[in-house]
């Protein structure tokens, strides 16, 4: 099964990075608003708290996705590696963005093959104990394609 590099890039790098930057800007805005606004103290505190809460939400839910996506800055789909091995475990990635694959919404999984973890857009149709061939990006361990081996 093949996965889209561009979809990976949007979902694990671009959107989380934009969200984290926006969250940082909101925190800075809240601090500046507290010190330089001429509004009353209660009004400043209420607005600043709402800015900070929104910023925390944006950063907390998007920063973990960057764990894999940040490496896409220096990687391209032509710099892939191929590995073959046995699937040790399959875990849902708790901070997964939604991916649309063949008109289905899927979520990422972390698949361990021979002790190494790989980021799969979806781990449907694969099982623990199967032999698998993976084409992946070396720094991020994002899987571009896989085939079940015999």
Protein backbone atom coordinates (compact mmCIF):
# COMPACT_ATOMS: atom_id res chain seq x y z
CA UNK A 1 0.00 0.00 0.00
CA UNK A 2 1.32 3.45 -0.92
CA UNK A 3 0.93 6.59 1.19
CA UNK A 4 1.07 10.17 -0.05
CA UNK A 5 4.20 12.14 0.89
CA UNK A 6 2.35 15.42 0.33
CA UNK A 7 -0.44 14.35 2.69
CA UNK A 8 2.15 13.43 5.32
CA UNK A 9 3.83 16.81 4.86
CA UNK A 10 0.60 18.77 5.30
CA UNK A 11 -0.68 16.75 8.27
CA UNK A 12 2.54 16.20 10.22
CA UNK A 13 4.59 19.30 9.39
CA UNK A 14 2.77 22.26 7.90
CA UNK A 15 -0.47 22.40 9.93
CA UNK A 16 1.10 21.50 13.30
CA UNK A 17 3.88 24.03 12.71
CA UNK A 18 1.37 26.76 11.85
CA UNK A 19 -0.65 25.87 14.97
CA UNK A 20 2.40 26.01 17.24
CA UNK A 21 3.50 29.35 15.77
CA UNK A 22 -0.03 30.72 16.18
CA UNK A 23 -0.08 29.47 19.78
CA UNK A 24 3.22 31.21 20.47
CA UNK A 25 1.92 34.45 18.94
CA UNK A 26 -1.18 34.22 21.15
CA UNK A 27 0.95 33.82 24.28
CA UNK A 28 3.07 36.83 23.32
CA UNK A 29 -0.11 38.81 22.53
CA UNK A 30 -1.57 37.94 25.93
CA UNK A 31 1.57 39.11 27.70
CA UNK A 32 1.72 42.34 25.72
CA UNK A 33 -1.99 42.93 26.26
CA UNK A 34 -1.59 42.53 30.04
CA UNK A 35 1.18 45.12 30.20
CA UNK A 36 0.19 47.68 27.59
CA UNK A 37 -3.60 47.68 27.44
CA UNK A 38 -5.47 50.55 29.05
CA UNK A 39 -8.45 48.31 29.87
CA UNK A 40 -9.41 47.43 33.41
CA UNK A 41 -7.57 44.69 35.29
CA UNK A 42 -10.46 42.18 35.15
CA UNK A 43 -10.95 42.71 31.43
CA UNK A 44 -7.21 42.31 30.76
CA UNK A 45 -6.98 39.19 32.92
CA UNK A 46 -10.03 37.54 31.30
CA UNK A 47 -8.84 38.21 27.77
CA UNK A 48 -5.26 37.17 28.53
CA UNK A 49 -6.38 33.91 30.13
CA UNK A 50 -8.52 33.08 27.09
CA UNK A 51 -5.54 33.79 24.78
CA UNK A 52 -3.26 31.56 26.86
CA UNK A 53 -5.80 28.72 27.05
CA UNK A 54 -6.27 28.77 23.28
CA UNK A 55 -2.50 28.87 22.80
CA UNK A 56 -1.99 25.91 25.13
CA UNK A 57 -4.64 23.96 23.24
CA UNK A 58 -2.96 24.70 19.90
CA UNK A 59 0.51 23.79 21.13
CA UNK A 60 -0.32 20.73 23.26
CA UNK A 61 -2.36 18.98 20.58
CA UNK A 62 -0.05 19.78 17.67
CA UNK A 63 3.49 19.65 19.04
CA UNK A 64 3.52 15.82 19.44
CA UNK A 65 2.69 15.42 15.74
CA UNK A 66 5.85 17.37 14.92
CA UNK A 67 7.89 14.56 16.54
CA UNK A 68 7.81 12.78 13.18
CA UNK A 69 6.92 15.58 10.79
CA UNK A 70 9.72 18.00 11.67
CA UNK A 71 12.21 15.81 9.80
CA UNK A 72 10.29 16.32 6.55
CA UNK A 73 11.96 19.73 6.26
CA UNK A 74 15.19 17.99 5.20
CA UNK A 75 13.80 14.83 3.62
CA UNK A 76 12.35 14.25 0.20
CA UNK A 77 10.43 11.23 -1.07
CA UNK A 78 13.39 10.13 -3.20
CA UNK A 79 15.69 9.64 -0.20
CA UNK A 80 13.94 6.51 1.02
CA UNK A 81 15.32 3.31 2.51
CA UNK A 82 13.94 -0.22 2.26
CA UNK A 83 13.80 -2.67 5.15
CA UNK A 84 12.28 -6.11 5.48
CA UNK A 85 11.37 -7.69 8.78
CA UNK A 86 8.79 -9.14 11.12
CA UNK A 87 6.11 -7.01 12.79
CA UNK A 88 6.61 -7.01 16.58
CA UNK A 89 3.79 -4.64 17.61
CA UNK A 90 1.18 -2.22 16.30
CA UNK A 91 0.04 0.74 18.40
CA UNK A 92 -2.31 3.58 17.58
CA UNK A 93 -0.54 6.93 17.62
CA UNK A 94 -2.48 8.93 20.19
CA UNK A 95 -1.71 12.32 18.62
CA UNK A 96 -2.48 11.29 15.07
CA UNK A 97 -4.00 13.76 12.63
CA UNK A 98 -6.83 12.55 10.40
CA UNK A 99 -5.76 11.25 7.01
CA UNK A 100 -8.07 10.64 4.08
CA UNK A 101 -6.98 7.52 2.27
CA UNK A 102 -9.09 6.17 -0.60
CA UNK A 103 -12.12 8.16 0.71
CA UNK A 104 -11.74 6.70 4.24
CA UNK A 105 -10.62 8.60 7.31
CA UNK A 106 -7.71 6.79 8.95
CA UNK A 107 -5.38 7.49 11.86
CA UNK A 108 -1.66 6.88 12.16
CA UNK A 109 -0.10 3.91 13.88
CA UNK A 110 3.36 3.17 15.19
CA UNK A 111 4.45 -0.24 13.91
CA UNK A 112 7.53 -1.89 15.40
CA UNK A 113 9.46 -4.05 12.93
CA UNK A 114 12.47 -5.93 14.28
CA UNK A 115 12.76 -3.49 17.20
CA UNK A 116 12.54 -0.28 15.13
CA UNK A 117 9.47 1.99 15.21
CA UNK A 118 7.90 3.26 11.99
CA UNK A 119 5.12 5.82 11.47
CA UNK A 120 2.35 4.36 9.27
CA UNK A 121 -0.53 6.46 7.96
CA UNK A 122 -2.67 3.45 8.81
CA UNK A 123 -1.95 -0.06 9.96
CA UNK A 124 -5.07 -1.62 8.53
CA UNK A 125 -4.60 -4.97 6.81
CA UNK A 126 -1.39 -5.84 8.67
CA UNK A 127 -0.99 -8.08 11.70
CA UNK A 128 1.61 -8.81 14.34
CA UNK A 129 3.95 -11.62 13.28
CA UNK A 130 3.70 -10.97 9.53
CA UNK A 131 6.79 -10.35 7.44
CA UNK A 132 6.71 -6.95 5.78
CA UNK A 133 8.80 -4.89 3.38
CA UNK A 134 8.79 -1.17 4.17
CA UNK A 135 9.88 1.82 2.13
CA UNK A 136 10.44 4.67 4.57
CA UNK A 137 12.17 8.02 5.06
CA UNK A 138 15.36 7.55 7.11
CA UNK A 139 15.17 10.44 9.62
CA UNK A 140 11.45 10.55 10.35
CA UNK A 141 10.77 6.81 9.93
CA UNK A 142 7.61 7.77 8.03
CA UNK A 143 6.48 4.89 5.83
CA UNK A 144 5.78 5.72 2.19
CA UNK A 145 4.88 2.21 1.07
CA UNK A 146 4.67 -1.32 2.41
CA UNK A 147 4.14 -4.84 1.11
CA UNK A 148 3.36 -7.97 3.06
CA UNK A 149 6.09 -10.56 2.33
CA UNK A 150 5.61 -14.31 2.14
